[in-house]
Amino acid sequence: MAVSNGTRPAGSLPPGLAIIAEADLAEVEQGSFLGGTVGIFSSPSPDRDGDPNEDAAAVIPFDRWSGALVVADGCGGLPNGGQASRVVVDAIAAELGSARENEQPLRLAVIDGIQRANREVAALGAGAGSTVSVITIERGIVRSYHVGDSMVLVTGQRGRIKLQTIAHSPVGYAVESGLLDEDEAIDHVERHIVSNLVGFDDMRIEIGPAIRLAPRDTLVIASDGLSDNMLVGEIVERVRKGSVPDAIDALVGLCRCRMAADQADVPHKPDDLTILLYRPGR
């Protein structure tokens, strides 16, 4: 796993921590995590003209049986987007490190970390903001915590969706309520609007249900560079089988094709792309 350089907040950080920020990876990074396999890919938008990738991500061990996976997406169009996403993952990592030393629960540490991130991103000033999606894994039980529209998805080997977070956006809520279907939503003119962000006074954390991972389940956490360029069914079909690197490569390949060429009847939105994929051991 690649670990980026940079100043991190004070506090004890977990051993084995991996953080990436402003990354432009040439290939999928892969490693072992909690008895399973984790893979990560991150690259800047193809139309960014040299500007850095504003996504950040982290793989954070907590103890022998538990840890967290994090993806944060600094908001394009707002000041300090890349810095905001890095602040988010750093704050969560620091809180998990402190909780580990003080023998506090992982769940409380994640909430404290997101709240700390909210304060620190707000302190950047000028309206900086970021999304964040966190998955905790504790003895095979996963739970999601998210702010914004970075996706969390858990699917079985046969393609049954066991968990899918709701994007905190007008379009996301319209899909959940049945006012829009997915095909209409992915091309909606207001899809880019996010109504809940880290760094804002009214930030709220949505906590998902506890789900036990089966041996062949696949967990995906990704910035909206994935969900704005692929339908959920397309994502599930590519991640439910094959190796972790091959599954990520399949997602990246199709996303890059769609970002590069605006074609009728298929999604197209150039953006930073970060994908974390995890499979438990058998």
Protein backbone atom coordinates (compact mmCIF):
# COMPACT_ATOMS: atom_id res chain seq x y z
CA MET A 1 0.00 0.00 0.00
CA ALA A 2 1.27 3.47 -0.88
CA VAL A 3 1.49 6.01 1.94
CA SER A 4 1.64 9.65 0.95
CA ASN A 5 3.95 12.15 2.59
CA GLY A 6 2.66 15.20 4.40
CA THR A 7 1.99 16.68 7.81
CA ARG A 8 -0.47 14.74 9.93
CA PRO A 9 -2.30 15.92 13.04
CA ALA A 10 -0.92 15.27 16.49
CA GLY A 11 -1.91 11.96 17.99
CA SER A 12 -0.87 8.34 17.94
CA LEU A 13 -1.59 6.75 14.56
CA PRO A 14 -2.34 3.05 14.12
CA PRO A 15 0.55 0.81 13.00
CA GLY A 16 0.17 -0.38 9.39
CA LEU A 17 -1.78 2.73 8.43
CA ALA A 18 -1.92 3.49 4.69
CA ILE A 19 -3.07 6.89 3.40
CA ILE A 20 -3.13 8.17 -0.16
CA ALA A 21 -3.81 11.75 -1.21
CA GLU A 22 -3.34 13.70 -4.45
CA ALA A 23 -2.54 10.33 -6.01
CA ASP A 24 -2.10 9.37 -9.65
CA LEU A 25 -1.59 5.63 -9.43
CA ALA A 26 -0.43 3.74 -12.49
CA GLU A 27 -1.93 0.48 -11.25
CA VAL A 28 -3.97 -1.04 -8.45
CA GLU A 29 -2.28 -1.24 -5.04
CA GLN A 30 -3.14 -4.47 -3.20
CA GLY A 31 -2.53 -5.76 0.31
CA SER A 32 -3.81 -7.96 3.12
CA PHE A 33 -6.27 -6.54 5.62
CA LEU A 34 -8.08 -8.31 8.48
CA GLY A 35 -7.63 -11.72 6.90
CA GLY A 36 -8.92 -10.56 3.53
CA THR A 37 -7.69 -8.60 0.52
CA VAL A 38 -7.94 -4.87 -0.05
CA GLY A 39 -7.20 -3.05 -3.29
CA ILE A 40 -7.10 0.65 -4.08
CA PHE A 41 -6.86 2.83 -7.15
CA SER A 42 -6.89 6.62 -7.37
CA SER A 43 -6.25 9.04 -10.24
CA PRO A 44 -7.11 12.65 -11.12
CA SER A 45 -9.76 13.69 -13.58
CA PRO A 46 -8.60 13.43 -17.21
CA ASP A 47 -9.62 17.05 -17.82
CA ARG A 48 -7.86 18.46 -14.74
CA ASP A 49 -4.89 19.92 -16.76
CA GLY A 50 -2.27 19.11 -14.15
CA ASP A 51 -4.31 20.03 -11.08
CA PRO A 52 -3.97 17.44 -8.27
CA ASN A 53 -6.43 14.70 -7.48
CA GLU A 54 -8.80 16.02 -4.78
CA ASP A 55 -9.70 12.55 -3.46
CA ALA A 56 -8.03 10.91 -0.46
CA ALA A 57 -8.36 7.43 1.03
CA ALA A 58 -7.10 5.38 3.95
CA VAL A 59 -6.81 1.78 5.11
CA ILE A 60 -6.67 1.92 8.92
CA PRO A 61 -6.01 -1.14 11.09
CA PHE A 62 -7.49 -0.81 14.58
CA ASP A 63 -6.63 -4.10 16.24
CA ARG A 64 -6.16 -7.71 15.22
CA TRP A 65 -9.82 -8.15 14.31
CA SER A 66 -11.03 -4.73 13.22
CA GLY A 67 -10.26 -1.64 11.18
CA ALA A 68 -11.70 0.95 8.83
CA LEU A 69 -11.65 1.88 5.16
CA VAL A 70 -12.13 5.54 4.20
CA VAL A 71 -12.71 7.53 1.00
CA ALA A 72 -13.03 11.33 1.02
CA ASP A 73 -13.75 13.51 -2.00
CA GLY A 74 -12.81 17.18 -1.74
CA CYS A 75 -15.51 19.21 -3.41
CA GLY A 76 -14.54 20.46 -6.83
CA GLY A 77 -15.36 24.12 -7.27
CA LEU A 78 -14.82 24.87 -3.57
CA PRO A 79 -11.52 26.23 -2.26
CA ASN A 80 -8.98 23.81 -0.76
CA GLY A 81 -10.83 20.71 -1.98
CA GLY A 82 -7.74 18.49 -2.03
CA GLN A 83 -6.59 19.77 1.35
CA ALA A 84 -10.05 19.18 2.81
CA SER A 85 -10.12 15.51 1.81
CA ARG A 86 -6.66 14.94 3.28
CA VAL A 87 -7.69 16.64 6.52
CA VAL A 88 -10.67 14.28 6.71
CA VAL A 89 -8.69 11.04 6.42
CA ASP A 90 -5.96 12.35 8.75
CA ALA A 91 -8.49 13.30 11.43
CA ILE A 92 -10.20 9.89 11.30
CA ALA A 93 -6.86 8.07 11.40
CA ALA A 94 -5.72 10.12 14.39
CA GLU A 95 -8.92 9.48 16.35
CA LEU A 96 -8.71 5.75 15.66
CA GLY A 97 -5.12 5.77 16.89
CA SER A 98 -6.07 7.53 20.11
CA ALA A 99 -9.05 5.23 20.66
CA ARG A 100 -6.87 2.17 20.14
CA GLU A 101 -4.40 3.34 22.78
CA ASN A 102 -7.18 4.24 25.21
CA GLU A 103 -9.15 1.03 24.55
CA GLN A 104 -12.20 2.91 23.31
CA PRO A 105 -14.72 1.45 20.82
CA LEU A 106 -14.03 1.69 17.08
CA ARG A 107 -17.54 2.97 16.37
CA LEU A 108 -17.13 5.92 18.73
CA ALA A 109 -13.69 6.68 17.27
CA VAL A 110 -15.10 6.92 13.74
CA ILE A 111 -17.83 9.33 14.83
CA ASP A 112 -15.31 11.40 16.79
CA GLY A 113 -13.01 11.38 13.78
CA ILE A 114 -15.67 12.68 11.40
CA GLN A 115 -16.69 15.36 13.89
CA ARG A 116 -13.04 16.37 14.33
CA ALA A 117 -12.68 16.47 10.54
CA ASN A 118 -15.72 18.74 10.34
CA ARG A 119 -14.11 21.24 12.70
CA GLU A 120 -10.74 21.11 10.97
CA VAL A 121 -12.13 21.46 7.45
CA ALA A 122 -14.28 24.39 8.61
CA ALA A 123 -11.12 25.97 10.03
CA LEU A 124 -9.56 25.95 6.54
CA GLY A 125 -12.00 28.75 5.74
CA ALA A 126 -13.34 29.95 2.40
CA GLY A 127 -16.09 27.32 2.34
CA ALA A 128 -13.90 24.23 1.98
CA GLY A 129 -15.79 20.94 2.05
CA SER A 130 -15.46 17.21 1.49
CA THR A 131 -17.54 14.08 1.41
CA VAL A 132 -16.51 11.04 3.43
CA SER A 133 -17.52 7.40 3.47
CA VAL A 134 -16.20 5.04 6.13
CA ILE A 135 -16.69 1.32 6.54
CA THR A 136 -15.76 -0.33 9.81
CA ILE A 137 -14.99 -4.05 9.84
CA GLU A 138 -15.16 -5.81 13.22
CA ARG A 139 -14.85 -9.60 13.28
CA GLY A 140 -16.55 -9.81 9.88
CA ILE A 141 -19.32 -7.30 10.68
CA VAL A 142 -19.37 -4.15 8.54
CA ARG A 143 -21.10 -0.84 9.14
CA SER A 144 -21.14 2.32 7.04
CA TYR A 145 -20.79 5.95 8.12
CA HIS A 146 -21.13 8.58 5.42
CA VAL A 147 -21.48 12.27 4.68
CA GLY A 148 -22.17 13.29 1.08
CA ASP A 149 -22.30 11.18 -2.07
CA SER A 150 -19.24 8.92 -2.04
CA MET A 151 -20.63 5.43 -2.52
CA VAL A 152 -20.60 2.36 -0.29
CA LEU A 153 -21.79 -0.90 -1.80
CA VAL A 154 -21.72 -4.51 -0.59
CA THR A 155 -22.63 -7.26 -3.03
CA GLY A 156 -22.67 -11.03 -2.91
CA GLN A 157 -20.98 -13.26 -5.46
CA ARG A 158 -24.29 -13.77 -7.27
CA GLY A 159 -24.92 -10.03 -7.48
CA ARG A 160 -27.36 -9.53 -4.62
CA ILE A 161 -26.88 -6.06 -3.14
CA LYS A 162 -26.63 -6.28 0.64
CA LEU A 163 -25.84 -2.61 1.31
CA GLN A 164 -26.00 0.56 -0.76
CA THR A 165 -25.75 4.03 0.76
CA ILE A 166 -28.00 6.89 -0.32
CA ALA A 167 -26.26 9.91 -1.82
CA HIS A 168 -26.87 13.02 0.27
CA SER A 169 -28.15 15.11 -2.60
CA PRO A 170 -31.48 16.18 -4.06
CA VAL A 171 -31.05 13.65 -6.87
CA GLY A 172 -30.04 10.88 -4.45
CA TYR A 173 -33.12 11.46 -2.31
CA ALA A 174 -35.32 11.54 -5.41
CA VAL A 175 -34.02 8.12 -6.47
CA GLU A 176 -34.58 6.71 -2.98
CA SER A 177 -38.15 8.02 -2.91
CA GLY A 178 -38.94 6.66 -6.38
CA LEU A 179 -39.32 10.05 -8.07
CA LEU A 180 -36.37 9.31 -10.39
CA ASP A 181 -34.98 6.04 -11.67
CA GLU A 182 -31.25 5.41 -11.88
CA ASP A 183 -31.03 6.02 -15.63
CA GLU A 184 -32.67 9.44 -15.23
CA ALA A 185 -30.61 10.33 -12.18
CA ILE A 186 -27.15 9.64 -13.61
CA ASP A 187 -27.67 12.28 -16.31
CA HIS A 188 -29.62 14.76 -14.20
CA VAL A 189 -28.52 18.38 -14.50
CA GLU A 190 -28.41 18.74 -10.68
CA ARG A 191 -26.56 15.48 -9.95
CA HIS A 192 -23.45 17.44 -8.92
CA ILE A 193 -25.28 19.21 -6.05
CA VAL A 194 -24.44 17.69 -2.63
CA SER A 195 -26.54 18.71 0.37
CA ASN A 196 -24.39 17.36 3.22
CA LEU A 197 -20.64 17.98 3.51
CA VAL A 198 -17.83 17.73 6.03
CA GLY A 199 -16.82 21.29 6.94
CA PHE A 200 -20.33 22.72 7.13
CA ASP A 201 -22.28 23.70 10.26
CA ASP A 202 -25.21 21.42 9.48
CA MET A 203 -23.18 18.30 8.69
CA ARG A 204 -24.83 15.05 9.73
CA ILE A 205 -23.46 11.51 9.81
CA GLU A 206 -25.62 8.73 8.42
CA ILE A 207 -24.89 5.38 10.08
CA GLY A 208 -25.86 2.21 8.25
CA PRO A 209 -26.97 -1.19 9.57
CA ALA A 210 -24.58 -3.88 10.77
CA ILE A 211 -24.06 -6.53 8.08
CA ARG A 212 -22.07 -9.76 8.32
CA LEU A 213 -19.80 -10.32 5.33
CA ALA A 214 -19.97 -13.73 3.68
CA PRO A 215 -16.70 -15.22 2.37
CA ARG A 216 -17.33 -14.22 -1.25
CA ASP A 217 -18.90 -10.81 -0.65
CA THR A 218 -17.29 -7.71 -2.14
CA LEU A 219 -17.22 -4.30 -0.49
CA VAL A 220 -16.78 -1.17 -2.63
CA ILE A 221 -16.12 2.37 -1.39
CA ALA A 222 -15.63 4.99 -4.08
CA SER A 223 -15.75 8.67 -4.90
CA ASP A 224 -18.42 9.85 -7.33
CA GLY A 225 -16.03 9.45 -10.24
CA LEU A 226 -17.31 5.86 -10.20
CA SER A 227 -21.03 6.35 -9.54
CA ASP A 228 -21.32 9.24 -12.02
CA ASN A 229 -19.93 7.10 -14.84
CA MET A 230 -21.35 3.63 -14.15
CA LEU A 231 -24.77 2.32 -13.19
CA VAL A 232 -25.00 0.19 -10.05
CA GLY A 233 -25.71 -2.97 -12.02
CA GLU A 234 -22.60 -2.39 -14.13
CA ILE A 235 -20.51 -1.97 -10.99
CA VAL A 236 -21.91 -5.12 -9.36
CA GLU A 237 -21.31 -7.22 -12.47
CA ARG A 238 -17.62 -6.25 -12.55
CA VAL A 239 -16.81 -6.64 -8.85
CA ARG A 240 -18.68 -9.78 -7.88
CA LYS A 241 -16.15 -12.14 -9.50
CA GLY A 242 -12.47 -12.33 -10.42
CA SER A 243 -9.54 -11.13 -8.34
CA VAL A 244 -9.58 -7.84 -6.44
CA PRO A 245 -7.11 -6.12 -8.85
CA ASP A 246 -8.97 -7.45 -11.90
CA ALA A 247 -12.29 -6.19 -10.55
CA ILE A 248 -10.88 -2.71 -9.91
CA ASP A 249 -9.19 -2.69 -13.33
CA ALA A 250 -12.55 -3.48 -14.95
CA LEU A 251 -14.19 -0.53 -13.18
CA VAL A 252 -11.35 1.85 -13.99
CA GLY A 253 -11.26 0.79 -17.64
CA LEU A 254 -14.93 1.51 -18.26
CA CYS A 255 -14.89 4.74 -16.24
CA ARG A 256 -11.92 6.06 -18.20
CA CYS A 257 -13.59 5.24 -21.51
CA ARG A 258 -16.73 7.09 -20.49
CA MET A 259 -14.84 10.07 -19.07
CA ALA A 260 -12.86 10.39 -22.28
CA ALA A 261 -15.72 10.22 -24.79
CA ASP A 262 -19.15 11.83 -24.44
CA GLN A 263 -21.44 9.33 -26.15
CA ALA A 264 -25.19 9.24 -26.36
CA ASP A 265 -27.07 6.98 -23.96
CA VAL A 266 -24.10 6.27 -21.63
CA PRO A 267 -22.95 8.18 -18.53
CA HIS A 268 -20.15 10.72 -18.95
CA LYS A 269 -18.61 12.91 -16.25
CA PRO A 270 -14.83 13.48 -16.09
CA ASP A 271 -13.80 13.52 -12.43
CA ASP A 272 -11.25 12.28 -9.94
CA LEU A 273 -11.65 8.53 -9.42
CA THR A 274 -10.87 6.63 -6.22
CA ILE A 275 -11.94 3.04 -5.58
CA LEU A 276 -11.35 0.90 -2.48
CA LEU A 277 -12.40 -2.74 -2.78
CA TYR A 278 -12.31 -5.34 0.00
CA ARG A 279 -13.00 -9.07 0.13
CA PRO A 280 -12.90 -11.12 3.33
CA GLY A 281 -10.85 -14.29 3.56
CA ARG A 282 -12.56 -17.59 2.97
